[in-house]
Amino acid sequence: MEKLESIVRVSGKGQVVIPKEVRKKLGIRAGGKLAVIVKDDEIILRKIENLNLSEMSSRISAIVEKENIDVDKLIQEAVEWARKQK
């Protein structure tokens, strides 16, 4: 994968402009959404894909199967956690 690097300025409102070449390469358009992730001293911007419910369900199912995740156990843990929050 090709690596693109740029230096950008932060405005008084905390805004940055993502360089055109980066937006074009990743297909980021006006109104698109990015996830902002802070890891140690880094800020990571990750493009969020707009998935419909069926696509999202398929991806989650694939991950659950690949990682051998016990969904019933996760649900039980979530219920127990929620009860403790009351």
PDB file of N, CA and C in Angstrom:
ATOM      1  N   MET A   1       0.851  -1.188   0.000  1.00  0.00           N
ATOM      2  CA  MET A   1       0.000   0.000   0.000  1.00  0.00           C
ATOM      3  C   MET A   1       0.886   1.237   0.000  1.00  0.00           C
ATOM      4  N   GLU A   2       0.541   2.160  -0.852  1.00  0.00           N
ATOM      5  CA  GLU A   2       1.281   3.414  -0.956  1.00  0.00           C
ATOM      6  C   GLU A   2       1.057   4.260   0.287  1.00  0.00           C
ATOM      7  N   LYS A   3       2.125   4.902   0.760  1.00  0.00           N
ATOM      8  CA  LYS A   3       2.025   5.733   1.959  1.00  0.00           C
ATOM      9  C   LYS A   3       2.051   7.203   1.549  1.00  0.00           C
ATOM     10  N   LEU A   4       1.057   7.954   2.001  1.00  0.00           N
ATOM     11  CA  LEU A   4       0.997   9.392   1.759  1.00  0.00           C
ATOM     12  C   LEU A   4       1.194  10.104   3.079  1.00  0.00           C
ATOM     13  N   GLU A   5       2.044  11.107   3.096  1.00  0.00           N
ATOM     14  CA  GLU A   5       2.243  11.906   4.302  1.00  0.00           C
ATOM     15  C   GLU A   5       2.115  13.377   3.953  1.00  0.00           C
ATOM     16  N   SER A   6       1.523  14.134   4.840  1.00  0.00           N
ATOM     17  CA  SER A   6       1.363  15.572   4.664  1.00  0.00           C
ATOM     18  C   SER A   6       1.426  16.239   6.025  1.00  0.00           C
ATOM     19  N   ILE A   7       1.747  17.501   6.017  1.00  0.00           N
ATOM     20  CA  ILE A   7       1.691  18.313   7.230  1.00  0.00           C
ATOM     21  C   ILE A   7       0.542  19.293   7.042  1.00  0.00           C
ATOM     22  N   VAL A   8      -0.340  19.354   8.030  1.00  0.00           N
ATOM     23  CA  VAL A   8      -1.487  20.258   7.959  1.00  0.00           C
ATOM     24  C   VAL A   8      -1.512  21.140   9.197  1.00  0.00           C
ATOM     25  N   ARG A   9      -2.189  22.261   9.095  1.00  0.00           N
ATOM     26  CA  ARG A   9      -2.327  23.181  10.226  1.00  0.00           C
ATOM     27  C   ARG A   9      -3.667  22.953  10.915  1.00  0.00           C
ATOM     28  N   VAL A  10      -3.683  23.251  12.195  1.00  0.00           N
ATOM     29  CA  VAL A  10      -4.917  23.186  12.967  1.00  0.00           C
ATOM     30  C   VAL A  10      -5.440  24.610  13.092  1.00  0.00           C
ATOM     31  N   SER A  11      -6.710  24.828  12.730  1.00  0.00           N
ATOM     32  CA  SER A  11      -7.302  26.167  12.813  1.00  0.00           C
ATOM     33  C   SER A  11      -7.638  26.501  14.264  1.00  0.00           C
ATOM     34  N   GLY A  12      -8.045  27.731  14.485  1.00  0.00           N
ATOM     35  CA  GLY A  12      -8.458  28.170  15.812  1.00  0.00           C
ATOM     36  C   GLY A  12      -9.650  27.384  16.341  1.00  0.00           C
ATOM     37  N   LYS A  13     -10.422  26.796  15.432  1.00  0.00           N
ATOM     38  CA  LYS A  13     -11.578  25.982  15.820  1.00  0.00           C
ATOM     39  C   LYS A  13     -11.214  24.501  15.938  1.00  0.00           C
ATOM     40  N   GLY A  14      -9.932  24.179  15.807  1.00  0.00           N
ATOM     41  CA  GLY A  14      -9.503  22.787  15.910  1.00  0.00           C
ATOM     42  C   GLY A  14      -9.692  21.996  14.620  1.00  0.00           C
ATOM     43  N   GLN A  15      -9.916  22.692  13.520  1.00  0.00           N
ATOM     44  CA  GLN A  15     -10.169  22.017  12.251  1.00  0.00           C
ATOM     45  C   GLN A  15      -8.877  21.810  11.470  1.00  0.00           C
ATOM     46  N   VAL A  16      -8.834  20.717  10.711  1.00  0.00           N
ATOM     47  CA  VAL A  16      -7.723  20.467   9.794  1.00  0.00           C
ATOM     48  C   VAL A  16      -8.316  20.163   8.421  1.00  0.00           C
ATOM     49  N   VAL A  17      -7.556  20.458   7.387  1.00  0.00           N
ATOM     50  CA  VAL A  17      -7.984  20.141   6.030  1.00  0.00           C
ATOM     51  C   VAL A  17      -7.225  18.893   5.597  1.00  0.00           C
ATOM     52  N   ILE A  18      -7.966  17.873   5.203  1.00  0.00           N
ATOM     53  CA  ILE A  18      -7.341  16.655   4.695  1.00  0.00           C
ATOM     54  C   ILE A  18      -6.936  16.942   3.252  1.00  0.00           C
ATOM     55  N   PRO A  19      -5.665  16.754   2.922  1.00  0.00           N
ATOM     56  CA  PRO A  19      -5.195  17.073   1.571  1.00  0.00           C
ATOM     57  C   PRO A  19      -6.014  16.371   0.485  1.00  0.00           C
ATOM     58  N   LYS A  20      -6.183  17.075  -0.636  1.00  0.00           N
ATOM     59  CA  LYS A  20      -7.000  16.588  -1.743  1.00  0.00           C
ATOM     60  C   LYS A  20      -6.564  15.197  -2.202  1.00  0.00           C
ATOM     61  N   GLU A  21      -5.253  14.972  -2.309  1.00  0.00           N
ATOM     62  CA  GLU A  21      -4.770  13.673  -2.795  1.00  0.00           C
ATOM     63  C   GLU A  21      -5.174  12.532  -1.851  1.00  0.00           C
ATOM     64  N   VAL A  22      -5.214  12.822  -0.561  1.00  0.00           N
ATOM     65  CA  VAL A  22      -5.624  11.816   0.424  1.00  0.00           C
ATOM     66  C   VAL A  22      -7.127  11.560   0.305  1.00  0.00           C
ATOM     67  N   ARG A  23      -7.913  12.644   0.219  1.00  0.00           N
ATOM     68  CA  ARG A  23      -9.369  12.498   0.071  1.00  0.00           C
ATOM     69  C   ARG A  23      -9.709  11.703  -1.185  1.00  0.00           C
ATOM     70  N   LYS A  24      -9.002  12.010  -2.267  1.00  0.00           N
ATOM     71  CA  LYS A  24      -9.256  11.334  -3.537  1.00  0.00           C
ATOM     72  C   LYS A  24      -8.903   9.850  -3.439  1.00  0.00           C
ATOM     73  N   LYS A  25      -7.746   9.546  -2.875  1.00  0.00           N
ATOM     74  CA  LYS A  25      -7.295   8.152  -2.769  1.00  0.00           C
ATOM     75  C   LYS A  25      -8.255   7.312  -1.930  1.00  0.00           C
ATOM     76  N   LEU A  26      -8.795   7.900  -0.856  1.00  0.00           N
ATOM     77  CA  LEU A  26      -9.674   7.159   0.051  1.00  0.00           C
ATOM     78  C   LEU A  26     -11.159   7.330  -0.257  1.00  0.00           C
ATOM     79  N   GLY A  27     -11.476   8.162  -1.247  1.00  0.00           N
ATOM     80  CA  GLY A  27     -12.878   8.364  -1.604  1.00  0.00           C
ATOM     81  C   GLY A  27     -13.656   9.122  -0.545  1.00  0.00           C
ATOM     82  N   ILE A  28     -12.995  10.060   0.120  1.00  0.00           N
ATOM     83  CA  ILE A  28     -13.650  10.857   1.162  1.00  0.00           C
ATOM     84  C   ILE A  28     -14.277  12.078   0.499  1.00  0.00           C
ATOM     85  N   ARG A  29     -15.565  12.254   0.714  1.00  0.00           N
ATOM     86  CA  ARG A  29     -16.287  13.377   0.104  1.00  0.00           C
ATOM     87  C   ARG A  29     -16.870  14.268   1.181  1.00  0.00           C
ATOM     88  N   ALA A  30     -17.286  15.466   0.781  1.00  0.00           N
ATOM     89  CA  ALA A  30     -17.917  16.395   1.715  1.00  0.00           C
ATOM     90  C   ALA A  30     -19.109  15.705   2.364  1.00  0.00           C
ATOM     91  N   GLY A  31     -19.216  15.829   3.671  1.00  0.00           N
ATOM     92  CA  GLY A  31     -20.304  15.200   4.404  1.00  0.00           C
ATOM     93  C   GLY A  31     -19.997  13.780   4.847  1.00  0.00           C
ATOM     94  N   GLY A  32     -18.891  13.219   4.353  1.00  0.00           N
ATOM     95  CA  GLY A  32     -18.492  11.872   4.765  1.00  0.00           C
ATOM     96  C   GLY A  32     -18.090  11.873   6.230  1.00  0.00           C
ATOM     97  N   LYS A  33     -18.078  10.706   6.827  1.00  0.00           N
ATOM     98  CA  LYS A  33     -17.752  10.614   8.249  1.00  0.00           C
ATOM     99  C   LYS A  33     -16.440   9.874   8.451  1.00  0.00           C
ATOM    100  N   LEU A  34     -15.701  10.331   9.461  1.00  0.00           N
ATOM    101  CA  LEU A  34     -14.449   9.703   9.852  1.00  0.00           C
ATOM    102  C   LEU A  34     -14.500   9.402  11.339  1.00  0.00           C
ATOM    103  N   ALA A  35     -13.940   8.281  11.729  1.00  0.00           N
ATOM    104  CA  ALA A  35     -13.787   7.972  13.150  1.00  0.00           C
ATOM    105  C   ALA A  35     -12.490   8.621  13.607  1.00  0.00           C
ATOM    106  N   VAL A  36     -12.505   9.241  14.784  1.00  0.00           N
ATOM    107  CA  VAL A  36     -11.308   9.850  15.361  1.00  0.00           C
ATOM    108  C   VAL A  36     -10.859   8.953  16.503  1.00  0.00           C
ATOM    109  N   ILE A  37      -9.644   8.436  16.380  1.00  0.00           N
ATOM    110  CA  ILE A  37      -9.104   7.508  17.375  1.00  0.00           C
ATOM    111  C   ILE A  37      -7.830   8.115  17.939  1.00  0.00           C
ATOM    112  N   VAL A  38      -7.734   8.183  19.264  1.00  0.00           N
ATOM    113  CA  VAL A  38      -6.524   8.682  19.916  1.00  0.00           C
ATOM    114  C   VAL A  38      -5.798   7.488  20.501  1.00  0.00           C
ATOM    115  N   LYS A  39      -4.557   7.311  20.086  1.00  0.00           N
ATOM    116  CA  LYS A  39      -3.742   6.193  20.566  1.00  0.00           C
ATOM    117  C   LYS A  39      -2.387   6.758  20.968  1.00  0.00           C
ATOM    118  N   ASP A  40      -2.137   6.724  22.286  1.00  0.00           N
ATOM    119  CA  ASP A  40      -0.915   7.329  22.838  1.00  0.00           C
ATOM    120  C   ASP A  40      -0.850   8.784  22.383  1.00  0.00           C
ATOM    121  N   ASP A  41       0.170   9.146  21.606  1.00  0.00           N
ATOM    122  CA  ASP A  41       0.297  10.538  21.169  1.00  0.00           C
ATOM    123  C   ASP A  41      -0.076  10.709  19.697  1.00  0.00           C
ATOM    124  N   GLU A  42      -0.885   9.790  19.170  1.00  0.00           N
ATOM    125  CA  GLU A  42      -1.293   9.851  17.773  1.00  0.00           C
ATOM    126  C   GLU A  42      -2.798  10.065  17.650  1.00  0.00           C
ATOM    127  N   ILE A  43      -3.179  10.748  16.582  1.00  0.00           N
ATOM    128  CA  ILE A  43      -4.585  10.884  16.211  1.00  0.00           C
ATOM    129  C   ILE A  43      -4.752  10.125  14.904  1.00  0.00           C
ATOM    130  N   ILE A  44      -5.662   9.176  14.895  1.00  0.00           N
ATOM    131  CA  ILE A  44      -5.901   8.368  13.708  1.00  0.00           C
ATOM    132  C   ILE A  44      -7.294   8.700  13.188  1.00  0.00           C
ATOM    133  N   LEU A  45      -7.384   9.016  11.904  1.00  0.00           N
ATOM    134  CA  LEU A  45      -8.675   9.243  11.252  1.00  0.00           C
ATOM    135  C   LEU A  45      -8.958   8.019  10.398  1.00  0.00           C
ATOM    136  N   ARG A  46     -10.098   7.403  10.611  1.00  0.00           N
ATOM    137  CA  ARG A  46     -10.454   6.202   9.860  1.00  0.00           C
ATOM    138  C   ARG A  46     -11.776   6.444   9.148  1.00  0.00           C
ATOM    139  N   LYS A  47     -11.786   6.191   7.842  1.00  0.00           N
ATOM    140  CA  LYS A  47     -12.994   6.364   7.042  1.00  0.00           C
ATOM    141  C   LYS A  47     -14.066   5.388   7.520  1.00  0.00           C
ATOM    142  N   ILE A  48     -15.276   5.894   7.683  1.00  0.00           N
ATOM    143  CA  ILE A  48     -16.409   5.059   8.077  1.00  0.00           C
ATOM    144  C   ILE A  48     -17.240   4.782   6.831  1.00  0.00           C
ATOM    145  N   GLU A  49     -17.429   3.512   6.552  1.00  0.00           N
ATOM    146  CA  GLU A  49     -18.246   3.141   5.406  1.00  0.00           C
ATOM    147  C   GLU A  49     -19.718   3.187   5.793  1.00  0.00           C
ATOM    148  N   ASN A  50     -20.533   3.645   4.878  1.00  0.00           N
ATOM    149  CA  ASN A  50     -21.981   3.642   5.102  1.00  0.00           C
ATOM    150  C   ASN A  50     -22.517   2.284   4.671  1.00  0.00           C
ATOM    151  N   LEU A  51     -22.827   1.452   5.636  1.00  0.00           N
ATOM    152  CA  LEU A  51     -23.328   0.115   5.350  1.00  0.00           C
ATOM    153  C   LEU A  51     -24.811   0.031   5.677  1.00  0.00           C
ATOM    154  N   ASN A  52     -25.531  -0.709   4.868  1.00  0.00           N
ATOM    155  CA  ASN A  52     -26.923  -0.942   5.230  1.00  0.00           C
ATOM    156  C   ASN A  52     -26.955  -2.061   6.268  1.00  0.00           C
ATOM    157  N   LEU A  53     -28.099  -2.286   6.853  1.00  0.00           N
ATOM    158  CA  LEU A  53     -28.232  -3.252   7.944  1.00  0.00           C
ATOM    159  C   LEU A  53     -27.797  -4.654   7.527  1.00  0.00           C
ATOM    160  N   SER A  54     -28.129  -5.048   6.320  1.00  0.00           N
ATOM    161  CA  SER A  54     -27.779  -6.384   5.835  1.00  0.00           C
ATOM    162  C   SER A  54     -26.260  -6.542   5.718  1.00  0.00           C
ATOM    163  N   GLU A  55     -25.588  -5.527   5.154  1.00  0.00           N
ATOM    164  CA  GLU A  55     -24.126  -5.577   5.024  1.00  0.00           C
ATOM    165  C   GLU A  55     -23.459  -5.612   6.397  1.00  0.00           C
ATOM    166  N   MET A  56     -23.965  -4.789   7.302  1.00  0.00           N
ATOM    167  CA  MET A  56     -23.402  -4.734   8.647  1.00  0.00           C
ATOM    168  C   MET A  56     -23.566  -6.086   9.345  1.00  0.00           C
ATOM    169  N   SER A  57     -24.740  -6.669   9.226  1.00  0.00           N
ATOM    170  CA  SER A  57     -25.016  -7.964   9.835  1.00  0.00           C
ATOM    171  C   SER A  57     -24.093  -9.043   9.274  1.00  0.00           C
ATOM    172  N   SER A  58     -23.882  -9.027   7.972  1.00  0.00           N
ATOM    173  CA  SER A  58     -23.004 -10.011   7.336  1.00  0.00           C
ATOM    174  C   SER A  58     -21.576  -9.882   7.835  1.00  0.00           C
ATOM    175  N   ARG A  59     -21.088  -8.658   7.961  1.00  0.00           N
ATOM    176  CA  ARG A  59     -19.718  -8.443   8.443  1.00  0.00           C
ATOM    177  C   ARG A  59     -19.562  -8.888   9.893  1.00  0.00           C
ATOM    178  N   ILE A  60     -20.543  -8.554  10.711  1.00  0.00           N
ATOM    179  CA  ILE A  60     -20.478  -8.951  12.123  1.00  0.00           C
ATOM    180  C   ILE A  60     -20.518 -10.475  12.232  1.00  0.00           C
ATOM    181  N   SER A  61     -21.386 -11.111  11.466  1.00  0.00           N
ATOM    182  CA  SER A  61     -21.480 -12.575  11.491  1.00  0.00           C
ATOM    183  C   SER A  61     -20.164 -13.220  11.082  1.00  0.00           C
ATOM    184  N   ALA A  62     -19.516 -12.664  10.073  1.00  0.00           N
ATOM    185  CA  ALA A  62     -18.236 -13.209   9.615  1.00  0.00           C
ATOM    186  C   ALA A  62     -17.170 -13.095  10.701  1.00  0.00           C
ATOM    187  N   ILE A  63     -17.140 -11.963  11.395  1.00  0.00           N
ATOM    188  CA  ILE A  63     -16.166 -11.772  12.477  1.00  0.00           C
ATOM    189  C   ILE A  63     -16.451 -12.734  13.621  1.00  0.00           C
ATOM    190  N   VAL A  64     -17.723 -12.853  13.994  1.00  0.00           N
ATOM    191  CA  VAL A  64     -18.115 -13.757  15.084  1.00  0.00           C
ATOM    192  C   VAL A  64     -17.680 -15.188  14.763  1.00  0.00           C
ATOM    193  N   GLU A  65     -17.908 -15.608  13.527  1.00  0.00           N
ATOM    194  CA  GLU A  65     -17.531 -16.969  13.129  1.00  0.00           C
ATOM    195  C   GLU A  65     -16.013 -17.135  13.091  1.00  0.00           C
ATOM    196  N   LYS A  66     -15.319 -16.181  12.484  1.00  0.00           N
ATOM    197  CA  LYS A  66     -13.858 -16.270  12.351  1.00  0.00           C
ATOM    198  C   LYS A  66     -13.171 -16.287  13.714  1.00  0.00           C
ATOM    199  N   GLU A  67     -13.641 -15.448  14.624  1.00  0.00           N
ATOM    200  CA  GLU A  67     -13.012 -15.319  15.938  1.00  0.00           C
ATOM    201  C   GLU A  67     -13.587 -16.302  16.962  1.00  0.00           C
ATOM    202  N   ASN A  68     -14.546 -17.127  16.533  1.00  0.00           N
ATOM    203  CA  ASN A  68     -15.170 -18.113  17.416  1.00  0.00           C
ATOM    204  C   ASN A  68     -15.719 -17.453  18.690  1.00  0.00           C
ATOM    205  N   ILE A  69     -16.483 -16.388  18.501  1.00  0.00           N
ATOM    206  CA  ILE A  69     -17.032 -15.606  19.612  1.00  0.00           C
ATOM    207  C   ILE A  69     -18.339 -16.239  20.091  1.00  0.00           C
ATOM    208  N   ASP A  70     -18.468 -16.387  21.398  1.00  0.00           N
ATOM    209  CA  ASP A  70     -19.684 -16.926  22.011  1.00  0.00           C
ATOM    210  C   ASP A  70     -20.646 -15.762  22.260  1.00  0.00           C
ATOM    211  N   VAL A  71     -21.570 -15.559  21.334  1.00  0.00           N
ATOM    212  CA  VAL A  71     -22.491 -14.424  21.395  1.00  0.00           C
ATOM    213  C   VAL A  71     -23.378 -14.498  22.631  1.00  0.00           C
ATOM    214  N   ASP A  72     -23.860 -15.683  22.968  1.00  0.00           N
ATOM    215  CA  ASP A  72     -24.721 -15.824  24.149  1.00  0.00           C
ATOM    216  C   ASP A  72     -23.979 -15.390  25.416  1.00  0.00           C
ATOM    217  N   LYS A  73     -22.713 -15.759  25.504  1.00  0.00           N
ATOM    218  CA  LYS A  73     -21.904 -15.366  26.659  1.00  0.00           C
ATOM    219  C   LYS A  73     -21.732 -13.844  26.702  1.00  0.00           C
ATOM    220  N   LEU A  74     -21.484 -13.237  25.550  1.00  0.00           N
ATOM    221  CA  LEU A  74     -21.342 -11.776  25.492  1.00  0.00           C
ATOM    222  C   LEU A  74     -22.624 -11.078  25.928  1.00  0.00           C
ATOM    223  N   ILE A  75     -23.755 -11.595  25.478  1.00  0.00           N
ATOM    224  CA  ILE A  75     -25.038 -11.000  25.857  1.00  0.00           C
ATOM    225  C   ILE A  75     -25.244 -11.109  27.362  1.00  0.00           C
ATOM    226  N   GLN A  76     -24.957 -12.275  27.923  1.00  0.00           N
ATOM    227  CA  GLN A  76     -25.106 -12.479  29.364  1.00  0.00           C
ATOM    228  C   GLN A  76     -24.213 -11.517  30.143  1.00  0.00           C
ATOM    229  N   GLU A  77     -22.958 -11.359  29.690  1.00  0.00           N
ATOM    230  CA  GLU A  77     -22.035 -10.434  30.357  1.00  0.00           C
ATOM    231  C   GLU A  77     -22.546  -8.999  30.274  1.00  0.00           C
ATOM    232  N   ALA A  78     -23.114  -8.629  29.130  1.00  0.00           N
ATOM    233  CA  ALA A  78     -23.650  -7.276  28.965  1.00  0.00           C
ATOM    234  C   ALA A  78     -24.841  -7.044  29.887  1.00  0.00           C
ATOM    235  N   VAL A  79     -25.705  -8.040  30.004  1.00  0.00           N
ATOM    236  CA  VAL A  79     -26.868  -7.934  30.896  1.00  0.00           C
ATOM    237  C   VAL A  79     -26.400  -7.783  32.342  1.00  0.00           C
ATOM    238  N   GLU A  80     -25.434  -8.594  32.747  1.00  0.00           N
ATOM    239  CA  GLU A  80     -24.910  -8.513  34.116  1.00  0.00           C
ATOM    240  C   GLU A  80     -24.278  -7.147  34.380  1.00  0.00           C
ATOM    241  N   TRP A  81     -23.526  -6.655  33.407  1.00  0.00           N
ATOM    242  CA  TRP A  81     -22.893  -5.336  33.556  1.00  0.00           C
ATOM    243  C   TRP A  81     -23.964  -4.255  33.711  1.00  0.00           C
ATOM    244  N   ALA A  82     -25.003  -4.316  32.857  1.00  0.00           N
ATOM    245  CA  ALA A  82     -26.066  -3.309  32.898  1.00  0.00           C
ATOM    246  C   ALA A  82     -26.793  -3.329  34.236  1.00  0.00           C
ATOM    247  N   ARG A  83     -27.014  -4.502  34.774  1.00  0.00           N
ATOM    248  CA  ARG A  83     -27.695  -4.608  36.073  1.00  0.00           C
ATOM    249  C   ARG A  83     -26.865  -3.975  37.184  1.00  0.00           C
ATOM    250  N   LYS A  84     -25.560  -4.102  37.105  1.00  0.00           N
ATOM    251  CA  LYS A  84     -24.675  -3.521  38.123  1.00  0.00           C
ATOM    252  C   LYS A  84     -24.645  -1.996  38.046  1.00  0.00           C
ATOM    253  N   GLN A  85     -24.997  -1.440  36.887  1.00  0.00           N
ATOM    254  CA  GLN A  85     -24.947   0.009  36.688  1.00  0.00           C
ATOM    255  C   GLN A  85     -26.119   0.731  37.338  1.00  0.00           C
ATOM    256  N   LYS A  86     -27.149  -0.004  37.729  1.00  0.00           N
ATOM    257  CA  LYS A  86     -28.351   0.621  38.314  1.00  0.00           C
ATOM    258  C   LYS A  86     -28.092   1.140  39.695  1.00  0.00           C
TER     259      LYS A  86
END
